[in-house]
């Protein structure tokens, strides 16, 4: 079975002119103050917004609680996760099979909108003294260091 063409799916979603190709099945786009990586890995497609390089030091319990509260607010459209390398991301994913442009647009827009919304709130509450731990510390550095789906 041939790999799905992410470029074609992005065109169907009306997002092709908003993305920058990083690799064959890996694209990045800016969404307000956040950026979203869209990738196909195997039979899955994922939209990931890397937000923070690490959990805020000394505020872990309150931070985790806030992420869970935000997960509930998003109603399953996207969710926060901590990756093995420590990055705090907002993501959504699903099987590529049966995916159409409208569904992809909804998935990417949900991740982008929620990431843009919640990053500022979480920075103000938890990262005021640790700006280099955010995706906005130094944008070029944050994007270069950001986690990339396999």
Protein backbone atom coordinates (compact mmCIF):
# COMPACT_ATOMS: atom_id res chain seq x y z
CA UNK A 1 0.00 0.00 0.00
CA UNK A 2 1.40 3.40 -0.99
CA UNK A 3 1.92 6.05 1.66
CA UNK A 4 -0.79 8.73 1.74
CA UNK A 5 0.17 12.02 0.12
CA UNK A 6 0.13 14.63 2.89
CA UNK A 7 0.61 17.49 0.42
CA UNK A 8 -2.57 16.41 -1.39
CA UNK A 9 -4.50 16.15 1.90
CA UNK A 10 -3.30 19.64 2.90
CA UNK A 11 -4.48 21.00 -0.47
CA UNK A 12 -7.90 19.39 0.04
CA UNK A 13 -7.99 20.94 3.53
CA UNK A 14 -7.25 24.41 2.13
CA UNK A 15 -4.00 24.58 4.12
CA UNK A 16 -1.36 24.07 1.40
CA UNK A 17 -0.53 27.78 1.11
CA UNK A 18 -0.06 28.09 4.90
CA UNK A 19 2.48 25.29 5.38
CA UNK A 20 6.22 24.93 4.97
CA UNK A 21 7.46 21.51 3.88
CA UNK A 22 10.01 20.10 6.30
CA UNK A 23 10.19 16.61 4.75
CA UNK A 24 8.09 14.41 2.43
CA UNK A 25 5.35 13.73 4.99
CA UNK A 26 6.18 16.49 7.47
CA UNK A 27 4.89 20.08 7.30
CA UNK A 28 4.93 23.05 9.69
CA UNK A 29 2.68 26.08 9.97
CA UNK A 30 2.38 29.10 12.25
CA UNK A 31 -0.85 29.51 14.20
CA UNK A 32 -0.76 32.81 16.10
CA UNK A 33 1.98 32.49 18.71
CA UNK A 34 2.13 28.70 18.33
CA UNK A 35 3.28 26.49 15.50
CA UNK A 36 1.83 23.18 14.41
CA UNK A 37 3.67 20.25 12.86
CA UNK A 38 1.56 17.95 10.67
CA UNK A 39 3.00 14.54 9.85
CA UNK A 40 2.14 11.09 8.63
CA UNK A 41 3.81 8.19 10.39
CA UNK A 42 2.82 4.75 9.20
CA UNK A 43 -0.97 4.64 9.00
CA UNK A 44 -1.55 7.62 11.32
CA UNK A 45 -1.64 11.37 10.86
CA UNK A 46 -0.84 13.70 13.72
CA UNK A 47 -0.89 17.45 14.37
CA UNK A 48 1.48 18.49 17.16
CA UNK A 49 2.06 21.92 18.69
CA UNK A 50 5.27 21.86 20.75
CA UNK A 51 4.75 24.36 23.57
CA UNK A 52 7.31 23.91 26.35
CA UNK A 53 10.72 22.24 26.50
CA UNK A 54 10.05 21.02 30.04
CA UNK A 55 7.49 21.06 32.83
CA UNK A 56 7.92 24.21 34.98
CA UNK A 57 10.33 23.56 37.84
CA UNK A 58 8.77 23.63 41.29
CA UNK A 59 5.20 23.87 39.96
CA UNK A 60 4.75 20.37 38.55
CA UNK A 61 1.60 19.29 40.40
CA UNK A 62 -0.30 22.52 39.68
CA UNK A 63 0.86 22.41 36.06
CA UNK A 64 -0.29 18.82 35.50
CA UNK A 65 -3.65 19.65 37.07
CA UNK A 66 -4.05 22.66 34.76
CA UNK A 67 -3.23 20.53 31.70
CA UNK A 68 -5.88 17.99 32.70
CA UNK A 69 -8.43 20.78 33.20
CA UNK A 70 -7.58 22.15 29.74
CA UNK A 71 -7.87 18.63 28.26
CA UNK A 72 -11.42 18.46 29.61
CA UNK A 73 -12.20 21.89 28.12
CA UNK A 74 -11.10 20.76 24.64
CA UNK A 75 -13.66 17.95 24.61
CA UNK A 76 -11.45 15.42 22.85
CA UNK A 77 -10.53 17.66 19.92
CA UNK A 78 -6.90 17.80 21.13
CA UNK A 79 -4.98 16.96 24.28
CA UNK A 80 -1.83 17.86 26.16
CA UNK A 81 0.93 15.28 26.51
CA UNK A 82 4.46 15.07 27.86
CA UNK A 83 6.85 13.42 25.41
CA UNK A 84 9.72 11.15 26.55
CA UNK A 85 12.24 13.95 25.85
CA UNK A 86 10.34 16.28 28.21
CA UNK A 87 8.54 18.47 25.67
CA UNK A 88 4.99 19.49 26.59
CA UNK A 89 2.89 19.30 23.44
CA UNK A 90 -0.69 19.74 22.38
CA UNK A 91 -1.69 17.12 19.84
CA UNK A 92 -4.40 15.27 17.96
CA UNK A 93 -4.16 12.26 15.71
CA UNK A 94 -6.13 9.61 13.91
CA UNK A 95 -5.84 6.96 11.22
CA UNK A 96 -5.17 8.31 7.73
CA UNK A 97 -7.58 5.80 6.17
CA UNK A 98 -10.83 7.56 5.33
CA UNK A 99 -9.50 11.02 6.24
CA UNK A 100 -10.71 13.83 4.01
CA UNK A 101 -9.61 17.45 3.71
CA UNK A 102 -12.39 18.79 5.94
CA UNK A 103 -11.45 16.41 8.78
CA UNK A 104 -7.77 17.29 8.44
CA UNK A 105 -8.58 21.02 8.47
CA UNK A 106 -10.66 20.55 11.64
CA UNK A 107 -7.91 18.57 13.35
CA UNK A 108 -5.14 21.05 12.49
CA UNK A 109 -7.29 24.09 13.30
CA UNK A 110 -8.24 22.62 16.68
CA UNK A 111 -4.62 22.01 17.65
CA UNK A 112 -3.55 25.42 16.34
CA UNK A 113 -6.34 27.39 17.98
CA UNK A 114 -6.05 25.66 21.36
CA UNK A 115 -2.24 25.90 21.32
CA UNK A 116 -2.40 29.61 20.50
CA UNK A 117 -4.96 30.12 23.26
CA UNK A 118 -3.41 28.04 26.01
CA UNK A 119 0.28 28.80 25.47
CA UNK A 120 -0.14 32.43 26.56
CA UNK A 121 -2.22 31.45 29.61
CA UNK A 122 0.24 28.75 30.68
CA UNK A 123 3.24 31.04 30.12
CA UNK A 124 1.69 33.75 32.30
CA UNK A 125 0.82 31.30 35.07
CA UNK A 126 3.80 28.93 35.05
CA UNK A 127 6.69 30.19 32.90
CA UNK A 128 7.07 33.88 33.73
CA UNK A 129 10.42 33.12 35.37
CA UNK A 130 11.43 30.46 32.81
CA UNK A 131 10.85 32.04 29.37
CA UNK A 132 13.54 29.92 27.71
CA UNK A 133 11.51 26.79 28.48
CA UNK A 134 8.70 28.00 26.18
CA UNK A 135 8.35 27.74 22.42
CA UNK A 136 8.64 31.54 22.41
CA UNK A 137 11.95 31.82 24.30
CA UNK A 138 13.87 32.07 21.08
CA UNK A 139 11.61 31.09 18.21
CA UNK A 140 14.30 29.84 15.84
CA UNK A 141 15.88 27.76 18.59
CA UNK A 142 12.52 26.43 19.77
CA UNK A 143 11.54 25.35 16.28
CA UNK A 144 14.92 23.71 15.68
CA UNK A 145 14.71 21.82 18.99
CA UNK A 146 11.01 20.97 18.72
CA UNK A 147 10.01 17.32 18.79
CA UNK A 148 9.28 15.76 15.45
CA UNK A 149 7.01 12.74 15.03
CA UNK A 150 8.74 9.53 13.90
